[in-house]
Amino acid sequence: MKAGAAARMRLGGMIRKESLQILRDPSSIAIAFVMPLVLLLLFGYGVSLDAKHIPLAMVLEEPDADTASLIGAFRRSSWFDARGFDSIQAAQQAFDRREVFGIVWLRNDFSQRLLTRGEAPIGVIVNGVDANQARITQGYIQGVWQVWLNSYASSKGVELTQPVALEPRIWFNAAVRSTAFLVPGLIAVIMTLIGAMLTSLVVAREWERGTMEALMVTPVRIGEMVVGKLVPYFVLGMGGMLLSVAMALWLFDVPLRGSFWLLTATSALFMLVALGMGLLISVFARNQFVAGQLSILITFLPAFILSGFIFEIGAMPAPIQVLTHIIPARYFVAILQTLFLAGNIWPIVLANSAALAVMMVLFLGLARRNMHKRLDA
């Protein structure tokens, strides 16, 4: 038999062996298909960075047509659940009991100052315990106030003088839906878990079950062993990716403005990086429990916290921003958010793909170098 044919036969045998192992192990199927389903449902429906129906106290010391108009503007907004109070003391008591998150205070001279001076400042009190929620609430209040002022000036036939006229334009995610931002990034976290966790258990399982010794006495070469173990898990991981993309498009209505084939190509590149990380972990950890814990600590947690999936990298301290450059998921999250929300922005896609290609060569090369057909390896 020729050497090439023998190599193909050995490689085919390894792939068949690992494929049968996957089919006989329900946990692998669950990690590849059930876990993405659960995570996407959890984050898509259960986690939201949007602030809606914020309980807001409206203090009217002297109700009239102008204050009623302003209160109506807040009540018509989907951002607030406005409640009326007769005094600031009553509103503060509700604020202290956390029944409301903020207070808008219209003093008794509100309408008079509005008519005579053309200005009527309002008092705003916001709960600052949650700094992010406080900033969002403050911005929404300013937005409703500004829209109402423009409407009021138009109804009086006067022009509202402003030193700067703001015309906000939101690109790529015009509805400002946090789901459209979270779901693409979550695909990177899911693929990290599938690739790293599954392959981190591959070699460790062989050592625990004692089948590694039997594998070492076969003619299978190290390179064939690496490829044979990675191919079935690569197919499994890409299947999980396709499921995640389908849910993003049809269940959560996240737009895919870029090329599907470019998304598939970059996903395949990232999957090889994740497989390389998992295989490298499995080479050094000969226990499945240790390998699983290491895969969570080394791959999942950094991908979740330091990839830009939820937390903006630019807002992190400078040393942490530098640290994120060694996290593969950082580059894939940037690619995913670009392809889903912006389109084929080639400078971003190519730069981040190049970084992933370097990491793929590094991790797979290290895994190949540290796999040996001897017991003391």
Protein backbone atom coordinates (compact mmCIF):
# COMPACT_ATOMS: atom_id res chain seq x y z
CA MET A 1 0.00 0.00 0.00
CA LYS A 2 1.33 3.45 -0.88
CA ALA A 3 2.24 5.85 1.89
CA GLY A 4 -0.39 8.41 0.84
CA ALA A 5 -3.19 5.88 0.83
CA ALA A 6 -2.08 4.52 4.20
CA ALA A 7 -2.05 8.04 5.67
CA ARG A 8 -5.55 8.71 4.36
CA MET A 9 -6.74 5.43 5.82
CA ARG A 10 -5.26 6.22 9.24
CA LEU A 11 -6.71 9.74 9.18
CA GLY A 12 -10.11 8.40 8.13
CA GLY A 13 -9.99 5.89 10.97
CA MET A 14 -9.21 8.62 13.50
CA ILE A 15 -12.04 10.81 12.25
CA ARG A 16 -14.46 7.88 12.33
CA LYS A 17 -13.36 6.97 15.86
CA GLU A 18 -13.91 10.52 17.17
CA SER A 19 -17.23 10.82 15.32
CA LEU A 20 -18.51 7.62 16.92
CA GLN A 21 -17.32 8.90 20.29
CA ILE A 22 -19.36 12.08 19.80
CA LEU A 23 -22.47 10.12 18.82
CA ARG A 24 -22.10 7.91 21.90
CA ASP A 25 -21.59 10.89 24.23
CA PRO A 26 -24.82 12.90 24.68
CA SER A 27 -22.94 15.65 26.54
CA SER A 28 -21.08 16.64 23.36
CA ILE A 29 -24.33 17.05 21.44
CA ALA A 30 -25.81 19.00 24.36
CA ILE A 31 -22.85 21.39 24.51
CA ALA A 32 -22.96 21.97 20.75
CA PHE A 33 -26.71 22.43 20.27
CA VAL A 34 -28.63 22.63 23.56
CA MET A 35 -26.27 25.09 25.27
CA PRO A 36 -26.44 27.68 22.43
CA LEU A 37 -30.22 27.41 22.52
CA VAL A 38 -30.35 28.02 26.28
CA LEU A 39 -27.81 30.86 26.25
CA LEU A 40 -29.45 32.66 23.33
CA LEU A 41 -32.90 32.41 24.92
CA LEU A 42 -31.51 33.58 28.25
CA PHE A 43 -29.62 36.57 26.89
CA GLY A 44 -32.07 37.37 24.11
CA TYR A 45 -35.10 37.54 26.38
CA GLY A 46 -33.77 37.73 29.92
CA VAL A 47 -30.89 40.21 29.62
CA SER A 48 -31.50 43.73 28.37
CA LEU A 49 -29.41 46.87 28.53
CA ASP A 50 -32.42 48.96 27.54
CA ALA A 51 -34.14 51.09 30.16
CA LYS A 52 -37.91 51.11 29.70
CA HIS A 53 -40.88 51.86 31.95
CA ILE A 54 -38.70 53.64 34.50
CA PRO A 55 -40.88 54.60 37.52
CA LEU A 56 -40.78 58.39 37.70
CA ALA A 57 -42.37 60.79 40.19
CA MET A 58 -43.84 64.00 38.74
CA VAL A 59 -44.29 66.75 41.36
CA LEU A 60 -46.84 69.42 40.36
CA GLU A 61 -47.03 72.17 42.95
CA GLU A 62 -49.54 74.17 40.87
CA PRO A 63 -51.29 72.15 38.14
CA ASP A 64 -52.32 74.00 34.97
CA ALA A 65 -52.47 73.48 31.22
CA ASP A 66 -48.70 73.78 30.72
CA THR A 67 -47.74 71.35 33.47
CA ALA A 68 -50.46 68.92 32.30
CA SER A 69 -48.99 69.08 28.80
CA LEU A 70 -45.51 68.30 30.10
CA ILE A 71 -46.79 65.48 32.31
CA GLY A 72 -48.59 64.06 29.29
CA ALA A 73 -45.33 64.06 27.33
CA PHE A 74 -43.69 61.92 30.04
CA ARG A 75 -46.67 59.58 30.28
CA ARG A 76 -46.78 59.04 26.52
CA SER A 77 -43.12 58.05 26.51
CA SER A 78 -42.42 54.31 26.60
CA TRP A 79 -39.34 55.02 28.71
CA PHE A 80 -41.26 56.16 31.81
CA ASP A 81 -44.11 55.15 34.09
CA ALA A 82 -44.94 58.61 35.41
CA ARG A 83 -46.79 59.05 38.73
CA GLY A 84 -48.14 62.38 39.94
CA PHE A 85 -47.40 63.80 43.42
CA ASP A 86 -48.70 66.98 45.07
CA SER A 87 -45.54 67.77 47.03
CA ILE A 88 -41.83 67.15 46.87
CA GLN A 89 -41.93 65.60 50.35
CA ALA A 90 -44.33 62.87 49.23
CA ALA A 91 -42.21 62.20 46.15
CA GLN A 92 -39.04 61.96 48.24
CA GLN A 93 -40.69 59.43 50.53
CA ALA A 94 -41.55 57.28 47.51
CA PHE A 95 -38.00 57.82 46.25
CA ASP A 96 -36.53 56.67 49.57
CA ARG A 97 -38.69 53.54 49.46
CA ARG A 98 -37.41 52.94 45.91
CA GLU A 99 -40.92 53.05 44.53
CA VAL A 100 -39.66 55.53 41.94
CA PHE A 101 -36.23 55.85 40.35
CA GLY A 102 -36.32 59.59 39.70
CA ILE A 103 -38.21 62.81 40.41
CA VAL A 104 -39.17 65.63 38.05
CA TRP A 105 -40.11 68.71 40.09
CA LEU A 106 -42.29 71.44 38.54
CA ARG A 107 -42.37 74.36 40.97
CA ASN A 108 -45.37 76.60 41.51
CA ASP A 109 -43.91 79.36 39.31
CA PHE A 110 -43.25 77.05 36.36
CA SER A 111 -45.91 78.44 33.98
CA GLN A 112 -45.32 82.06 35.03
CA ARG A 113 -41.58 81.90 34.32
CA LEU A 114 -42.25 80.06 31.09
CA LEU A 115 -44.58 82.80 29.85
CA THR A 116 -42.75 85.88 31.12
CA ARG A 117 -39.08 84.94 30.83
CA GLY A 118 -39.23 82.19 28.25
CA GLU A 119 -37.44 79.84 30.64
CA ALA A 120 -38.68 77.47 33.29
CA PRO A 121 -36.06 75.21 34.81
CA ILE A 122 -37.27 71.94 36.26
CA GLY A 123 -35.79 70.07 39.18
CA VAL A 124 -34.52 66.54 38.49
CA ILE A 125 -33.48 64.01 41.13
CA VAL A 126 -32.15 60.62 40.01
CA ASN A 127 -31.10 57.58 42.05
CA GLY A 128 -27.35 57.30 41.50
CA VAL A 129 -26.85 53.85 43.07
CA ASP A 130 -26.86 52.31 39.59
CA ALA A 131 -24.66 54.81 37.73
CA ASN A 132 -25.49 53.45 34.27
CA GLN A 133 -29.23 53.51 34.89
CA ALA A 134 -28.92 57.02 36.33
CA ARG A 135 -27.16 58.33 33.21
CA ILE A 136 -29.75 56.70 30.96
CA THR A 137 -32.64 58.12 33.00
CA GLN A 138 -31.12 61.59 32.99
CA GLY A 139 -30.66 61.47 29.23
CA TYR A 140 -34.25 60.32 28.67
CA ILE A 141 -35.61 63.11 30.89
CA GLN A 142 -33.58 65.69 28.98
CA GLY A 143 -34.85 64.25 25.71
CA VAL A 144 -38.53 64.42 26.71
CA TRP A 145 -38.01 67.93 28.12
CA GLN A 146 -36.36 69.17 24.93
CA VAL A 147 -39.04 67.69 22.68
CA TRP A 148 -41.76 69.26 24.81
CA LEU A 149 -40.05 72.67 24.74
CA ASN A 150 -39.89 72.56 20.95
CA SER A 151 -43.57 71.58 20.75
CA TYR A 152 -44.54 74.33 23.22
CA ALA A 153 -42.64 76.99 21.31
CA SER A 154 -44.22 75.86 18.04
CA SER A 155 -47.73 76.02 19.53
CA LYS A 156 -47.08 79.60 20.71
CA GLY A 157 -45.75 80.61 17.32
CA VAL A 158 -42.30 81.49 18.63
CA GLU A 159 -38.88 80.11 17.89
CA LEU A 160 -37.04 78.39 20.69
CA THR A 161 -33.58 79.91 20.91
CA GLN A 162 -30.88 77.36 21.57
CA PRO A 163 -27.12 77.92 21.52
CA VAL A 164 -26.72 74.53 19.83
CA ALA A 165 -29.36 72.57 17.95
CA LEU A 166 -28.80 68.83 18.32
CA GLU A 167 -29.93 66.44 15.59
CA PRO A 168 -29.01 62.94 16.76
CA ARG A 169 -28.43 60.27 14.14
CA ILE A 170 -27.90 56.68 15.22
CA TRP A 171 -26.13 54.44 12.75
CA PHE A 172 -26.25 50.65 12.40
CA ASN A 173 -28.74 50.07 15.26
CA ALA A 174 -31.26 52.86 14.80
CA ALA A 175 -33.77 51.40 17.28
CA VAL A 176 -30.99 51.15 19.92
CA ARG A 177 -32.01 47.56 20.74
CA SER A 178 -29.59 45.91 23.14
CA THR A 179 -30.59 42.50 21.73
CA ALA A 180 -29.12 43.44 18.36
CA PHE A 181 -25.85 44.22 20.15
CA LEU A 182 -25.79 41.29 22.58
CA VAL A 183 -26.79 38.37 20.35
CA PRO A 184 -23.94 38.66 17.78
CA GLY A 185 -21.37 38.90 20.58
CA LEU A 186 -22.95 35.93 22.32
CA ILE A 187 -22.21 33.79 19.26
CA ALA A 188 -18.49 34.32 19.94
CA VAL A 189 -18.92 33.19 23.55
CA ILE A 190 -20.91 30.13 22.45
CA MET A 191 -18.30 29.11 19.88
CA THR A 192 -15.54 29.58 22.47
CA LEU A 193 -17.37 27.23 24.82
CA ILE A 194 -18.07 24.64 22.12
CA GLY A 195 -14.56 24.62 20.68
CA ALA A 196 -12.48 24.96 23.82
CA MET A 197 -14.55 22.90 26.24
CA LEU A 198 -15.17 19.93 23.95
CA THR A 199 -11.60 19.60 22.74
CA SER A 200 -10.14 20.22 26.19
CA LEU A 201 -11.78 16.96 27.23
CA VAL A 202 -10.60 14.96 24.20
CA VAL A 203 -7.06 13.94 25.16
CA ALA A 204 -7.82 14.06 28.89
CA ARG A 205 -10.59 11.52 28.33
CA GLU A 206 -8.17 9.27 26.45
CA TRP A 207 -5.76 9.32 29.41
CA GLU A 208 -8.51 8.68 31.98
CA ARG A 209 -9.97 5.73 30.08
CA GLY A 210 -6.59 4.21 29.30
CA THR A 211 -7.14 4.32 25.55
CA MET A 212 -4.22 6.68 24.96
CA GLU A 213 -1.73 3.86 25.52
CA ALA A 214 -3.51 1.75 22.91
CA LEU A 215 -3.52 4.69 20.52
CA MET A 216 0.22 5.20 20.95
CA VAL A 217 1.10 1.72 19.68
CA THR A 218 -0.85 2.24 16.46
CA PRO A 219 0.82 3.57 13.29
CA VAL A 220 -1.18 6.82 13.59
CA ARG A 221 1.15 9.82 13.51
CA ILE A 222 0.85 12.86 15.77
CA GLY A 223 -0.29 15.16 12.97
CA GLU A 224 -2.94 12.67 11.91
CA MET A 225 -4.04 12.34 15.53
CA VAL A 226 -4.45 16.13 15.85
CA VAL A 227 -6.41 16.47 12.60
CA GLY A 228 -8.50 13.38 13.32
CA LYS A 229 -9.55 14.73 16.69
CA LEU A 230 -10.27 18.26 15.45
CA VAL A 231 -12.32 17.57 12.31
CA PRO A 232 -15.43 16.07 14.02
CA TYR A 233 -15.47 18.83 16.65
CA PHE A 234 -15.00 21.47 13.97
CA VAL A 235 -18.10 20.17 12.18
CA LEU A 236 -19.97 20.06 15.50
CA GLY A 237 -18.95 23.61 16.34
CA MET A 238 -19.94 24.99 12.94
CA GLY A 239 -23.32 23.30 13.37
CA GLY A 240 -23.75 25.16 16.67
CA MET A 241 -22.74 28.39 14.91
CA LEU A 242 -25.36 27.90 12.18
CA LEU A 243 -28.02 27.25 14.82
CA SER A 244 -27.02 30.43 16.66
CA VAL A 245 -27.08 32.54 13.49
CA ALA A 246 -30.49 31.12 12.52
CA MET A 247 -31.90 32.04 15.95
CA ALA A 248 -30.37 35.51 15.74
CA LEU A 249 -31.95 36.18 12.35
CA TRP A 250 -35.37 34.59 12.69
CA LEU A 251 -36.09 34.58 16.43
CA PHE A 252 -34.49 37.82 17.62
CA ASP A 253 -34.76 39.72 14.33
CA VAL A 254 -31.09 40.77 14.31
CA PRO A 255 -30.17 42.00 10.82
CA LEU A 256 -27.29 40.43 8.91
CA ARG A 257 -26.07 43.28 6.72
CA GLY A 258 -22.82 41.59 5.72
CA SER A 259 -22.15 38.50 3.65
CA PHE A 260 -23.27 35.17 5.08
CA TRP A 261 -20.32 33.44 3.40
CA LEU A 262 -17.89 35.92 4.93
CA LEU A 263 -19.51 35.27 8.30
CA THR A 264 -19.08 31.52 7.75
CA ALA A 265 -15.41 31.90 6.75
CA THR A 266 -14.49 34.06 9.74
CA SER A 267 -16.47 31.75 12.05
CA ALA A 268 -14.50 28.77 10.73
CA LEU A 269 -11.28 30.65 11.43
CA PHE A 270 -12.33 31.44 14.99
CA MET A 271 -13.51 27.88 15.54
CA LEU A 272 -10.02 26.63 14.66
CA VAL A 273 -8.59 29.08 17.22
CA ALA A 274 -10.98 27.80 19.89
CA LEU A 275 -10.22 24.17 18.99
CA GLY A 276 -6.50 24.92 19.21
CA MET A 277 -6.91 26.43 22.69
CA GLY A 278 -8.96 23.48 23.89
CA LEU A 279 -6.54 20.92 22.44
CA LEU A 280 -3.58 22.70 24.03
CA ILE A 281 -5.32 22.59 27.42
CA SER A 282 -6.10 18.90 26.99
CA VAL A 283 -2.44 18.10 26.23
CA PHE A 284 -1.33 19.34 29.66
CA ALA A 285 -4.38 18.32 31.73
CA ARG A 286 -4.77 14.54 31.89
CA ASN A 287 -7.93 14.79 33.97
CA GLN A 288 -11.29 15.75 32.46
CA PHE A 289 -12.36 17.76 35.50
CA VAL A 290 -9.15 19.81 35.50
CA ALA A 291 -9.34 20.27 31.74
CA GLY A 292 -12.94 21.49 31.98
CA GLN A 293 -12.14 23.95 34.77
CA LEU A 294 -9.13 25.30 32.89
CA SER A 295 -11.18 25.77 29.72
CA ILE A 296 -13.71 27.85 31.66
CA LEU A 297 -11.06 29.98 33.38
CA ILE A 298 -8.78 30.46 30.38
CA THR A 299 -11.29 30.73 27.53
CA PHE A 300 -14.90 31.30 28.63
CA LEU A 301 -14.50 33.94 31.36
CA PRO A 302 -12.09 36.15 29.36
CA ALA A 303 -14.38 35.83 26.33
CA PHE A 304 -17.37 36.84 28.43
CA ILE A 305 -15.76 39.77 30.28
CA LEU A 306 -12.89 41.09 28.15
CA SER A 307 -14.10 40.64 24.56
CA GLY A 308 -16.39 43.66 24.31
CA PHE A 309 -19.41 41.34 24.29
CA ILE A 310 -21.07 43.29 27.13
CA PHE A 311 -18.50 45.73 28.50
CA GLU A 312 -17.04 48.37 26.20
CA ILE A 313 -13.28 47.83 25.88
CA GLY A 314 -12.61 51.56 25.48
CA ALA A 315 -14.12 52.18 28.93
CA MET A 316 -11.77 49.71 30.65
CA PRO A 317 -8.55 50.78 32.41
CA ALA A 318 -5.55 51.03 30.09
CA PRO A 319 -3.76 47.89 31.44
CA ILE A 320 -6.93 45.82 30.94
CA GLN A 321 -7.32 47.19 27.41
CA VAL A 322 -3.81 45.95 26.64
CA LEU A 323 -4.69 42.55 28.14
CA THR A 324 -7.71 42.18 25.84
CA HIS A 325 -5.40 41.92 22.83
CA ILE A 326 -4.52 38.34 23.81
CA ILE A 327 -8.20 37.32 23.99
CA PRO A 328 -9.22 35.74 20.66
CA ALA A 329 -12.92 36.43 21.25
CA ARG A 330 -12.18 40.19 21.20
CA TYR A 331 -11.40 40.02 17.50
CA PHE A 332 -14.31 37.75 16.63
CA VAL A 333 -16.82 39.91 18.53
CA ALA A 334 -15.66 42.91 16.49
CA ILE A 335 -16.16 40.90 13.28
CA LEU A 336 -19.60 39.65 14.31
CA GLN A 337 -20.94 43.04 15.35
CA THR A 338 -19.60 44.57 12.15
CA LEU A 339 -21.07 41.93 9.82
CA PHE A 340 -24.44 41.82 11.56
CA LEU A 341 -25.03 45.55 12.15
CA ALA A 342 -22.81 47.44 9.69
CA GLY A 343 -21.98 45.16 6.75
CA ASN A 344 -18.78 44.10 4.98
CA ILE A 345 -16.44 46.71 6.45
CA TRP A 346 -13.27 45.17 5.05
CA PRO A 347 -10.63 47.06 7.11
CA ILE A 348 -12.24 45.80 10.33
CA VAL A 349 -12.90 42.27 9.07
CA LEU A 350 -9.44 41.78 7.55
CA ALA A 351 -7.50 43.25 10.49
CA ASN A 352 -9.32 41.10 13.05
CA SER A 353 -9.18 38.01 10.82
CA ALA A 354 -5.40 38.43 10.51
CA ALA A 355 -5.10 38.47 14.30
CA LEU A 356 -7.21 35.29 14.52
CA ALA A 357 -5.07 33.62 11.85
CA VAL A 358 -1.91 34.31 13.88
CA MET A 359 -3.55 32.87 17.01
CA MET A 360 -4.75 29.81 15.10
CA VAL A 361 -1.21 29.02 13.94
CA LEU A 362 0.14 29.66 17.44
CA PHE A 363 -2.31 27.46 19.37
CA LEU A 364 -2.44 24.60 16.89
CA GLY A 365 1.36 24.70 16.54
CA LEU A 366 1.85 24.54 20.31
CA ALA A 367 -0.67 21.72 20.63
CA ARG A 368 1.05 19.75 17.87
CA ARG A 369 4.48 20.33 19.37
CA ASN A 370 3.48 19.17 22.84
CA MET A 371 1.68 16.00 21.78
CA HIS A 372 4.01 13.01 21.92
CA LYS A 373 3.55 9.29 21.51
CA ARG A 374 5.12 8.39 24.80
CA LEU A 375 3.77 7.94 28.34
CA ASP A 376 6.13 10.40 30.02
CA ALA A 377 5.11 13.31 27.73
